[in-house]
């Protein structure tokens, strides 16, 4: 049995589907990662404590809290990406998701008073509670996106 030639393999429906779909996948990924980075930057600028500075100083509680922010932003963005059909759709739903999640994070920060100081002091338990609250809101927002 002869093996297919390179030209035959490159012309196969599977390779053609990959060739046409891969650039779209990369574009969708790039837009979503840009939204994640933008959301994280905005969050870092809006927080009452400066997590990035604290992380650079070796504060583990700040690192845990900021990791929770990243995952908390990523969960609804991932759902938004999965239900969107175009880059425009991803941008619209992604921006809405980031704005809603940042508002939810801010409410959590306000409700859990005293946590910023405890995180500045390196208290891991405070950071874990903050992460739990932020991930909970992220999951609820993600579920809301699916209708």
Protein backbone atom coordinates (compact mmCIF):
# COMPACT_ATOMS: atom_id res chain seq x y z
CA UNK A 1 0.00 0.00 0.00
CA UNK A 2 1.45 3.36 -1.03
CA UNK A 3 1.62 6.09 1.54
CA UNK A 4 0.05 9.41 0.54
CA UNK A 5 2.28 12.06 -0.92
CA UNK A 6 2.98 15.29 0.93
CA UNK A 7 0.73 17.14 -1.52
CA UNK A 8 -2.13 14.73 -0.78
CA UNK A 9 -1.66 15.14 2.97
CA UNK A 10 -1.60 18.95 2.69
CA UNK A 11 -4.79 18.88 0.62
CA UNK A 12 -6.67 16.67 3.10
CA UNK A 13 -9.81 18.13 4.68
CA UNK A 14 -8.27 17.88 8.17
CA UNK A 15 -5.18 19.88 7.25
CA UNK A 16 -7.27 22.42 5.34
CA UNK A 17 -9.62 22.82 8.33
CA UNK A 18 -6.63 23.34 10.60
CA UNK A 19 -5.03 25.84 8.20
CA UNK A 20 -8.19 27.90 8.02
CA UNK A 21 -9.12 27.62 11.71
CA UNK A 22 -5.74 28.07 13.39
CA UNK A 23 -5.34 31.80 12.63
CA UNK A 24 -8.83 32.42 14.03
CA UNK A 25 -7.96 30.48 17.18
CA UNK A 26 -4.78 32.51 17.63
CA UNK A 27 -6.69 35.77 17.15
CA UNK A 28 -9.34 34.75 19.69
CA UNK A 29 -6.64 33.71 22.15
CA UNK A 30 -4.70 36.96 21.70
CA UNK A 31 -7.79 39.11 22.25
CA UNK A 32 -8.79 37.16 25.36
CA UNK A 33 -5.26 37.30 26.83
CA UNK A 34 -5.16 41.05 26.15
CA UNK A 35 -8.47 41.43 28.02
CA UNK A 36 -7.05 39.40 30.92
CA UNK A 37 -3.90 41.52 31.05
CA UNK A 38 -5.93 44.73 30.80
CA UNK A 39 -8.26 43.63 33.59
CA UNK A 40 -5.34 42.67 35.81
CA UNK A 41 -3.62 46.02 35.21
CA UNK A 42 -6.81 47.95 35.95
CA UNK A 43 -7.37 45.92 39.10
CA UNK A 44 -3.78 46.53 40.24
CA UNK A 45 -4.24 50.26 39.71
CA UNK A 46 -7.56 50.36 41.58
CA UNK A 47 -6.70 48.31 44.66
CA UNK A 48 -6.17 50.12 47.95
CA UNK A 49 -3.02 48.08 48.50
CA UNK A 50 -0.31 47.72 45.91
CA UNK A 51 -0.12 43.96 45.41
CA UNK A 52 2.64 44.03 42.80
CA UNK A 53 4.92 46.00 45.12
CA UNK A 54 4.06 43.67 48.00
CA UNK A 55 4.75 40.63 45.81
CA UNK A 56 8.14 42.06 44.82
CA UNK A 57 8.86 42.45 48.53
CA UNK A 58 8.12 38.76 49.06
CA UNK A 59 4.63 39.05 50.54
CA UNK A 60 3.05 35.62 49.95
CA UNK A 61 -0.42 36.79 50.97
CA UNK A 62 -0.37 39.45 48.25
CA UNK A 63 0.77 36.85 45.72
CA UNK A 64 -2.09 34.53 46.68
CA UNK A 65 -4.59 37.39 46.49
CA UNK A 66 -3.36 38.54 43.08
CA UNK A 67 -3.35 34.98 41.75
CA UNK A 68 -7.00 34.83 42.78
CA UNK A 69 -7.66 37.98 40.79
CA UNK A 70 -6.05 36.49 37.70
CA UNK A 71 -8.04 33.25 37.95
CA UNK A 72 -11.16 35.22 38.86
CA UNK A 73 -10.82 37.27 35.69
CA UNK A 74 -9.88 34.25 33.57
CA UNK A 75 -12.90 32.09 34.46
CA UNK A 76 -15.59 34.38 33.01
CA UNK A 77 -13.28 35.36 30.12
CA UNK A 78 -12.86 31.68 29.26
CA UNK A 79 -16.62 31.21 29.25
CA UNK A 80 -17.03 34.38 27.21
CA UNK A 81 -14.49 33.03 24.72
CA UNK A 82 -16.30 29.70 24.50
CA UNK A 83 -19.70 31.26 23.76
CA UNK A 84 -18.45 33.94 21.35
CA UNK A 85 -18.32 33.47 17.60
CA UNK A 86 -16.11 36.35 16.42
CA UNK A 87 -13.38 38.67 17.62
CA UNK A 88 -15.96 41.45 17.93
CA UNK A 89 -18.15 39.20 20.05
CA UNK A 90 -15.19 38.30 22.26
CA UNK A 91 -14.29 41.98 22.70
CA UNK A 92 -17.86 42.99 23.57
CA UNK A 93 -18.50 40.15 26.02
CA UNK A 94 -14.93 40.20 27.30
CA UNK A 95 -15.02 43.90 28.15
CA UNK A 96 -18.42 43.46 29.80
CA UNK A 97 -17.08 40.51 31.77
CA UNK A 98 -13.97 42.37 32.93
CA UNK A 99 -16.00 45.42 33.97
CA UNK A 100 -18.54 43.32 35.89
CA UNK A 101 -15.83 41.26 37.52
CA UNK A 102 -13.84 44.33 38.55
CA UNK A 103 -17.01 45.79 40.09
CA UNK A 104 -17.67 42.52 41.90
CA UNK A 105 -14.06 42.43 43.14
CA UNK A 106 -14.43 45.98 44.43
CA UNK A 107 -17.62 45.07 46.30
CA UNK A 108 -15.88 42.04 47.81
CA UNK A 109 -12.95 44.24 48.87
CA UNK A 110 -15.37 46.67 50.53
CA UNK A 111 -17.42 43.96 52.26
CA UNK A 112 -14.39 42.16 53.62
CA UNK A 113 -13.10 45.18 55.48
CA UNK A 114 -9.76 44.89 57.15
CA UNK A 115 -8.43 42.40 54.62
CA UNK A 116 -6.16 44.85 52.78
CA UNK A 117 -4.24 45.58 55.98
CA UNK A 118 -4.07 41.89 56.84
CA UNK A 119 -2.74 41.12 53.34
CA UNK A 120 -0.16 43.91 53.67
CA UNK A 121 0.92 42.19 56.88
CA UNK A 122 1.34 38.91 55.01
CA UNK A 123 -1.61 37.03 56.51
CA UNK A 124 -2.27 34.10 54.18
CA UNK A 125 -5.66 33.27 55.70
CA UNK A 126 -6.96 36.71 54.71
CA UNK A 127 -5.69 36.23 51.17
CA UNK A 128 -7.29 32.79 50.89
CA UNK A 129 -10.65 34.20 52.04
CA UNK A 130 -10.36 36.99 49.49
CA UNK A 131 -9.51 34.49 46.74
CA UNK A 132 -12.50 32.34 47.69
CA UNK A 133 -14.84 35.31 47.52
CA UNK A 134 -13.44 36.46 44.18
CA UNK A 135 -13.53 33.00 42.62
CA UNK A 136 -17.12 32.56 43.81
CA UNK A 137 -18.16 35.75 42.03
CA UNK A 138 -16.20 34.66 38.95
CA UNK A 139 -18.03 31.34 38.77
CA UNK A 140 -21.42 32.99 39.19
CA UNK A 141 -20.62 35.53 36.48
CA UNK A 142 -19.38 32.75 34.20
CA UNK A 143 -22.62 30.84 34.72
CA UNK A 144 -24.62 33.99 33.96
CA UNK A 145 -22.82 34.29 30.62
CA UNK A 146 -24.07 30.91 29.51
CA UNK A 147 -27.65 32.04 30.03
